[in-house]
């Protein structure tokens, strides 16, 4: 249920940017209307089908319809196609709403139904807040200019069970030494920065056990509930990669403006084959990841600030 509600709120927040990209601001409201009408029209049909056939099968079918519509929306070349795919997505969302409630009634004893309904209300409330939040800062960042004003990036946002799966795969790859990097990284710089961070976190240079534990924590996104992985295209050269970096910086600032804590993580791009395999991706070069959520201010890692070279050593002013 939260999946369908999140989708609606995220799209509503990002709607102006979507309409601008597809060149159809006059049809903008139909993106929401088509989705809502499809939900309203399909719920009765899904309910009837669930009564006549296997409820689990109908629920899984609605999930498949919803995900297919979501994928097609992402590939829509024009506003008319997007509206049609949103309607398909809404048909699937109608099945999600009906199927979830029907299965709760069948599987949960009557005395437990109140507690389950409370959790359902909590999920819907979180989607009401989280949907516009995620849609807001992703849309804000996408509207920011870059050096060549190209948009070569692809963002993969990973959460929940898939996030746990990705974290486990990254930790396993790290422990087994299965590094794979698309964009080479200066090992000398990396070692110097690791030494500085280790000192600030009171991890000795020779304390391999503590360093391994810290690396595992990093590869688990420091406990953040979400991670956004930023990809450059396979053909990316330095200038396009710079555009992705500028988008990433805009995304960090947008998250901060929305009250969300974030942490850019270059270590996630040291295991690109693992990332692509786990997420089922065939293309794209991961540049870095951004873990985000609401920070635990008591955690030592959230009190660490990376040192910077003094301004007069990096900047010269000419007049």
Protein backbone atom coordinates (compact mmCIF):
# COMPACT_ATOMS: atom_id res chain seq x y z
CA UNK A 1 0.00 0.00 0.00
CA UNK A 2 2.80 2.38 0.89
CA UNK A 3 4.40 1.65 -2.50
CA UNK A 4 1.40 3.01 -4.36
CA UNK A 5 1.05 6.03 -2.08
CA UNK A 6 4.77 6.86 -2.25
CA UNK A 7 4.65 6.81 -6.03
CA UNK A 8 1.78 9.27 -6.12
CA UNK A 9 3.41 11.76 -3.73
CA UNK A 10 6.88 11.55 -5.31
CA UNK A 11 5.51 12.24 -8.79
CA UNK A 12 3.32 15.09 -7.55
CA UNK A 13 6.37 16.83 -6.06
CA UNK A 14 8.57 16.29 -9.14
CA UNK A 15 5.78 17.11 -11.61
CA UNK A 16 7.06 20.53 -12.80
CA UNK A 17 10.48 19.10 -13.67
CA UNK A 18 8.91 16.11 -15.45
CA UNK A 19 6.64 18.34 -17.53
CA UNK A 20 9.53 20.63 -18.46
CA UNK A 21 11.67 17.69 -19.63
CA UNK A 22 8.89 16.20 -21.78
CA UNK A 23 7.66 19.53 -23.11
CA UNK A 24 4.02 19.17 -22.14
CA UNK A 25 3.14 21.54 -19.29
CA UNK A 26 -0.42 21.87 -20.60
CA UNK A 27 -1.06 18.17 -19.91
CA UNK A 28 0.73 18.14 -16.58
CA UNK A 29 -2.32 17.52 -14.41
CA UNK A 30 -3.20 14.42 -16.41
CA UNK A 31 -0.12 12.66 -15.04
CA UNK A 32 -1.79 12.65 -11.62
CA UNK A 33 -5.38 12.38 -12.86
CA UNK A 34 -4.72 9.31 -15.03
CA UNK A 35 -3.12 7.54 -12.07
CA UNK A 36 -5.94 8.42 -9.66
CA UNK A 37 -8.72 7.50 -12.12
CA UNK A 38 -7.07 4.17 -12.89
CA UNK A 39 -6.90 3.34 -9.17
CA UNK A 40 -10.55 4.26 -8.65
CA UNK A 41 -11.72 2.29 -11.68
CA UNK A 42 -9.63 -0.81 -11.04
CA UNK A 43 -10.16 -1.43 -7.32
CA UNK A 44 -13.62 -2.97 -7.84
CA UNK A 45 -12.28 -5.17 -10.63
CA UNK A 46 -9.33 -6.34 -8.57
CA UNK A 47 -11.66 -7.07 -5.64
CA UNK A 48 -13.93 -9.21 -7.83
CA UNK A 49 -10.99 -11.09 -9.33
CA UNK A 50 -9.53 -11.71 -5.86
CA UNK A 51 -12.85 -13.21 -4.72
CA UNK A 52 -13.10 -15.48 -7.75
CA UNK A 53 -9.45 -16.52 -8.05
CA UNK A 54 -6.44 -16.97 -5.78
CA UNK A 55 -5.82 -13.77 -3.77
CA UNK A 56 -2.06 -14.25 -3.67
CA UNK A 57 -1.88 -14.71 -7.44
CA UNK A 58 -3.95 -11.57 -8.03
CA UNK A 59 -1.78 -9.58 -5.62
CA UNK A 60 1.41 -10.71 -7.36
CA UNK A 61 -0.16 -9.86 -10.72
CA UNK A 62 -0.95 -6.34 -9.48
CA UNK A 63 2.66 -5.96 -8.32
CA UNK A 64 3.86 -7.02 -11.79
CA UNK A 65 1.49 -4.55 -13.49
CA UNK A 66 2.60 -1.74 -11.16
CA UNK A 67 6.30 -2.40 -11.71
CA UNK A 68 5.84 -2.72 -15.48
CA UNK A 69 4.01 0.62 -15.53
CA UNK A 70 6.78 2.18 -13.42
CA UNK A 71 9.47 0.96 -15.82
CA UNK A 72 7.57 2.21 -18.85
CA UNK A 73 7.03 5.61 -17.19
CA UNK A 74 10.78 5.92 -16.81
CA UNK A 75 11.21 5.17 -20.53
CA UNK A 76 8.36 7.41 -21.75
CA UNK A 77 9.56 9.60 -24.67
CA UNK A 78 6.68 12.09 -24.57
CA UNK A 79 3.90 13.39 -22.35
CA UNK A 80 1.16 11.35 -24.02
CA UNK A 81 3.05 8.10 -23.49
CA UNK A 82 3.76 9.02 -19.87
CA UNK A 83 0.06 9.64 -19.19
CA UNK A 84 -0.83 6.25 -20.66
CA UNK A 85 1.84 4.45 -18.66
CA UNK A 86 0.72 6.27 -15.52
CA UNK A 87 -2.76 4.86 -16.09
CA UNK A 88 -1.25 1.36 -16.34
CA UNK A 89 0.66 2.03 -13.15
CA UNK A 90 -2.56 3.15 -11.46
CA UNK A 91 -4.27 -0.11 -12.45
CA UNK A 92 -1.50 -1.98 -10.67
CA UNK A 93 -1.70 0.33 -7.65
CA UNK A 94 -5.43 -0.41 -7.36
CA UNK A 95 -4.59 -4.09 -7.05
CA UNK A 96 -1.94 -3.35 -4.43
CA UNK A 97 -4.42 -1.48 -2.24
CA UNK A 98 -7.16 -4.11 -2.53
CA UNK A 99 -4.83 -7.10 -2.31
CA UNK A 100 -3.02 -5.87 0.79
CA UNK A 101 -6.25 -5.24 2.69
CA UNK A 102 -7.78 -8.54 1.56
CA UNK A 103 -4.77 -10.58 2.66
CA UNK A 104 -4.72 -8.86 6.05
CA UNK A 105 -8.34 -9.84 6.62
CA UNK A 106 -7.64 -13.46 5.65
CA UNK A 107 -4.30 -13.97 7.40
CA UNK A 108 -4.69 -11.87 10.56
CA UNK A 109 -6.97 -12.99 13.41
CA UNK A 110 -9.76 -10.50 14.21
CA UNK A 111 -8.21 -9.58 17.59
CA UNK A 112 -5.00 -8.55 15.81
CA UNK A 113 -6.65 -6.54 13.04
CA UNK A 114 -6.60 -3.28 15.02
CA UNK A 115 -2.85 -3.50 15.53
CA UNK A 116 -2.25 -4.24 11.84
CA UNK A 117 -4.50 -1.34 10.85
CA UNK A 118 -2.38 0.94 13.05
CA UNK A 119 0.77 -0.17 11.23
CA UNK A 120 -0.98 0.40 7.91
CA UNK A 121 -1.86 3.94 8.94
CA UNK A 122 1.74 4.53 10.00
CA UNK A 123 3.04 3.36 6.61
CA UNK A 124 0.63 5.64 4.78
CA UNK A 125 1.68 8.54 7.00
CA UNK A 126 5.35 7.87 6.28
CA UNK A 127 4.63 7.76 2.56
CA UNK A 128 2.84 11.11 2.88
CA UNK A 129 6.05 12.60 4.32
CA UNK A 130 8.75 10.53 2.61
CA UNK A 131 7.32 10.64 -0.91
CA UNK A 132 7.36 14.43 -1.37
CA UNK A 133 10.68 14.60 0.45
CA UNK A 134 12.50 12.20 -1.90
CA UNK A 135 10.76 13.57 -4.98
CA UNK A 136 11.54 17.11 -3.85
CA UNK A 137 15.29 16.89 -3.45
CA UNK A 138 15.76 14.66 -6.52
CA UNK A 139 13.83 17.16 -8.65
CA UNK A 140 15.63 20.15 -7.11
CA UNK A 141 19.04 18.66 -7.82
CA UNK A 142 18.15 17.71 -11.40
CA UNK A 143 17.23 21.33 -12.15
CA UNK A 144 20.65 22.65 -11.11
CA UNK A 145 23.04 23.68 -13.93
CA UNK A 146 26.27 21.82 -14.66
CA UNK A 147 29.44 22.55 -16.62
CA UNK A 148 28.15 21.44 -20.02
CA UNK A 149 24.47 21.29 -19.01
CA UNK A 150 24.39 17.65 -20.04
CA UNK A 151 22.43 15.15 -17.99
CA UNK A 152 24.51 12.00 -18.27
CA UNK A 153 23.72 10.64 -14.83
CA UNK A 154 21.56 7.74 -13.76
CA UNK A 155 20.51 7.47 -10.11
CA UNK A 156 19.68 4.15 -8.47
CA UNK A 157 18.01 4.63 -5.07
CA UNK A 158 18.21 1.46 -2.97
CA UNK A 159 16.28 0.85 0.27
CA UNK A 160 14.72 -1.88 2.38
CA UNK A 161 15.42 -5.54 1.62
CA UNK A 162 17.31 -4.66 -1.57
CA UNK A 163 19.52 -2.32 0.42
CA UNK A 164 20.31 -5.12 2.88
CA UNK A 165 21.09 -7.46 -0.02
CA UNK A 166 23.41 -4.91 -1.61
CA UNK A 167 25.17 -4.21 1.70
CA UNK A 168 25.75 -7.95 2.29
CA UNK A 169 27.13 -8.36 -1.23
CA UNK A 170 29.48 -5.36 -0.83
CA UNK A 171 30.81 -6.60 2.52
CA UNK A 172 31.41 -10.08 1.05
CA UNK A 173 33.23 -8.62 -1.97
CA UNK A 174 35.37 -6.48 0.34
CA UNK A 175 36.28 -9.41 2.58
CA UNK A 176 37.17 -11.57 -0.42
CA UNK A 177 39.22 -8.84 -2.09
CA UNK A 178 37.00 -8.69 -5.21
CA UNK A 179 37.60 -5.05 -6.12
CA UNK A 180 36.39 -3.68 -9.45
CA UNK A 181 36.71 -0.01 -10.34
CA UNK A 182 35.53 1.86 -13.45
CA UNK A 183 37.20 5.16 -12.57
CA UNK A 184 40.75 4.71 -11.19
CA UNK A 185 41.42 6.26 -7.79
CA UNK A 186 44.75 7.52 -6.50
CA UNK A 187 45.86 4.91 -3.98
CA UNK A 188 48.29 7.37 -2.39
CA UNK A 189 45.51 9.91 -1.79
CA UNK A 190 43.18 7.18 -0.58
CA UNK A 191 45.65 5.86 1.99
CA UNK A 192 46.39 9.38 3.25
CA UNK A 193 42.69 10.17 3.73
CA UNK A 194 42.04 6.81 5.41
CA UNK A 195 44.87 7.48 7.86
CA UNK A 196 43.43 10.89 8.71
CA UNK A 197 39.93 9.50 9.20
CA UNK A 198 41.22 6.60 11.29
CA UNK A 199 43.05 8.99 13.60
CA UNK A 200 39.97 11.16 14.05
CA UNK A 201 37.88 8.09 14.87
CA UNK A 202 40.59 6.72 17.19
CA UNK A 203 41.33 3.72 14.96
CA UNK A 204 45.02 2.84 14.96
CA UNK A 205 46.80 2.37 11.63
CA UNK A 206 47.76 -1.21 12.57
CA UNK A 207 44.41 -2.05 14.17
CA UNK A 208 43.24 -4.18 11.25
CA UNK A 209 40.23 -5.59 13.10
CA UNK A 210 38.87 -2.13 13.90
CA UNK A 211 39.53 -0.93 10.35
CA UNK A 212 37.74 -3.96 8.91
CA UNK A 213 34.75 -3.28 11.17
CA UNK A 214 34.70 0.37 10.08
CA UNK A 215 34.87 -0.62 6.38
CA UNK A 216 31.96 -3.01 6.91
CA UNK A 217 29.97 -0.21 8.55
CA UNK A 218 30.74 2.04 5.58
CA UNK A 219 29.66 -0.64 3.10
CA UNK A 220 26.41 -0.94 5.05
CA UNK A 221 25.85 2.78 4.42
CA UNK A 222 26.54 3.65 8.08
CA UNK A 223 23.10 2.34 8.95
CA UNK A 224 21.30 4.83 6.71
CA UNK A 225 17.94 3.56 5.39
CA UNK A 226 18.62 4.66 1.80
CA UNK A 227 21.53 5.00 -0.59
CA UNK A 228 21.55 6.76 -3.96
CA UNK A 229 24.15 5.41 -6.37
CA UNK A 230 25.21 7.85 -9.09
CA UNK A 231 26.20 6.36 -12.43
CA UNK A 232 27.91 7.87 -15.44
CA UNK A 233 27.24 6.38 -18.91
CA UNK A 234 29.60 3.73 -20.27
CA UNK A 235 30.97 6.25 -22.75
CA UNK A 236 31.59 8.92 -20.11
CA UNK A 237 34.74 11.00 -20.40
CA UNK A 238 36.09 13.49 -17.90
CA UNK A 239 33.71 16.33 -18.74
CA UNK A 240 30.57 14.21 -18.44
CA UNK A 241 31.89 12.67 -15.24
CA UNK A 242 32.32 16.22 -13.93
CA UNK A 243 28.64 16.88 -14.69
CA UNK A 244 27.68 13.85 -12.59
CA UNK A 245 29.85 15.20 -9.77
CA UNK A 246 28.11 18.58 -9.96
CA UNK A 247 24.73 16.87 -9.86
CA UNK A 248 25.89 14.93 -6.80
CA UNK A 249 26.88 18.14 -5.03
CA UNK A 250 23.52 19.71 -5.91
CA UNK A 251 21.81 16.60 -4.53
CA UNK A 252 23.73 16.87 -1.25
CA UNK A 253 22.72 20.52 -0.89
CA UNK A 254 19.09 19.73 -1.76
CA UNK A 255 19.00 16.99 0.89
CA UNK A 256 20.38 19.42 3.45
CA UNK A 257 17.75 22.00 2.49
CA UNK A 258 15.05 19.37 3.05
CA UNK A 259 16.45 18.48 6.47
CA UNK A 260 17.92 15.13 5.41
CA UNK A 261 21.42 14.09 6.48
CA UNK A 262 23.70 12.59 3.84
CA UNK A 263 27.12 11.06 3.38
CA UNK A 264 28.89 10.75 0.00
CA UNK A 265 30.74 7.42 -0.21
CA UNK A 266 33.48 6.78 -2.75
CA UNK A 267 34.15 3.31 -1.30
CA UNK A 268 30.93 2.03 -2.87
CA UNK A 269 32.46 2.56 -6.33
CA UNK A 270 35.34 0.18 -5.55
CA UNK A 271 33.03 -2.81 -6.15
CA UNK A 272 31.18 -1.82 -9.31
CA UNK A 273 30.71 -5.38 -10.61
CA UNK A 274 29.02 -6.31 -7.34
CA UNK A 275 26.77 -3.25 -7.52
CA UNK A 276 25.71 -3.94 -11.11
CA UNK A 277 25.15 -7.64 -10.48
CA UNK A 278 23.07 -7.10 -7.34
CA UNK A 279 20.90 -4.41 -8.94
CA UNK A 280 20.56 -6.27 -12.25
CA UNK A 281 22.23 -3.51 -14.27
CA UNK A 282 24.07 -4.04 -17.53
CA UNK A 283 25.24 -0.48 -18.16
CA UNK A 284 26.58 2.51 -16.31
CA UNK A 285 29.72 3.27 -14.33
CA UNK A 286 29.17 3.93 -10.62
CA UNK A 287 31.02 7.08 -9.55
CA UNK A 288 29.99 7.20 -5.89
CA UNK A 289 27.07 6.68 -3.55
CA UNK A 290 25.20 8.98 -1.19
CA UNK A 291 23.75 7.41 1.95
CA UNK A 292 20.91 9.45 3.38
CA UNK A 293 18.38 9.53 6.18
CA UNK A 294 18.08 11.15 9.60
CA UNK A 295 21.44 11.05 11.39
CA UNK A 296 22.13 9.70 14.87
CA UNK A 297 24.08 12.66 16.23
CA UNK A 298 25.54 10.54 19.01
CA UNK A 299 27.38 8.23 16.59
CA UNK A 300 31.13 9.07 16.37
CA UNK A 301 31.12 8.89 12.58
CA UNK A 302 28.54 11.69 12.45
CA UNK A 303 30.82 13.96 14.47
CA UNK A 304 33.78 13.44 12.15
CA UNK A 305 34.62 16.23 9.70
CA UNK A 306 37.23 15.66 7.01
CA UNK A 307 40.08 18.14 7.16
CA UNK A 308 40.67 20.48 4.25
CA UNK A 309 43.74 22.25 2.91
CA UNK A 310 43.73 25.96 3.87
CA UNK A 311 42.01 28.24 1.38
CA UNK A 312 45.18 30.16 0.51
CA UNK A 313 46.82 26.91 -0.66
CA UNK A 314 44.03 26.02 -3.09
CA UNK A 315 42.69 29.36 -4.30
CA UNK A 316 44.19 32.43 -5.96
CA UNK A 317 42.31 35.62 -6.70
CA UNK A 318 43.04 37.62 -9.86
CA UNK A 319 41.90 41.18 -10.48
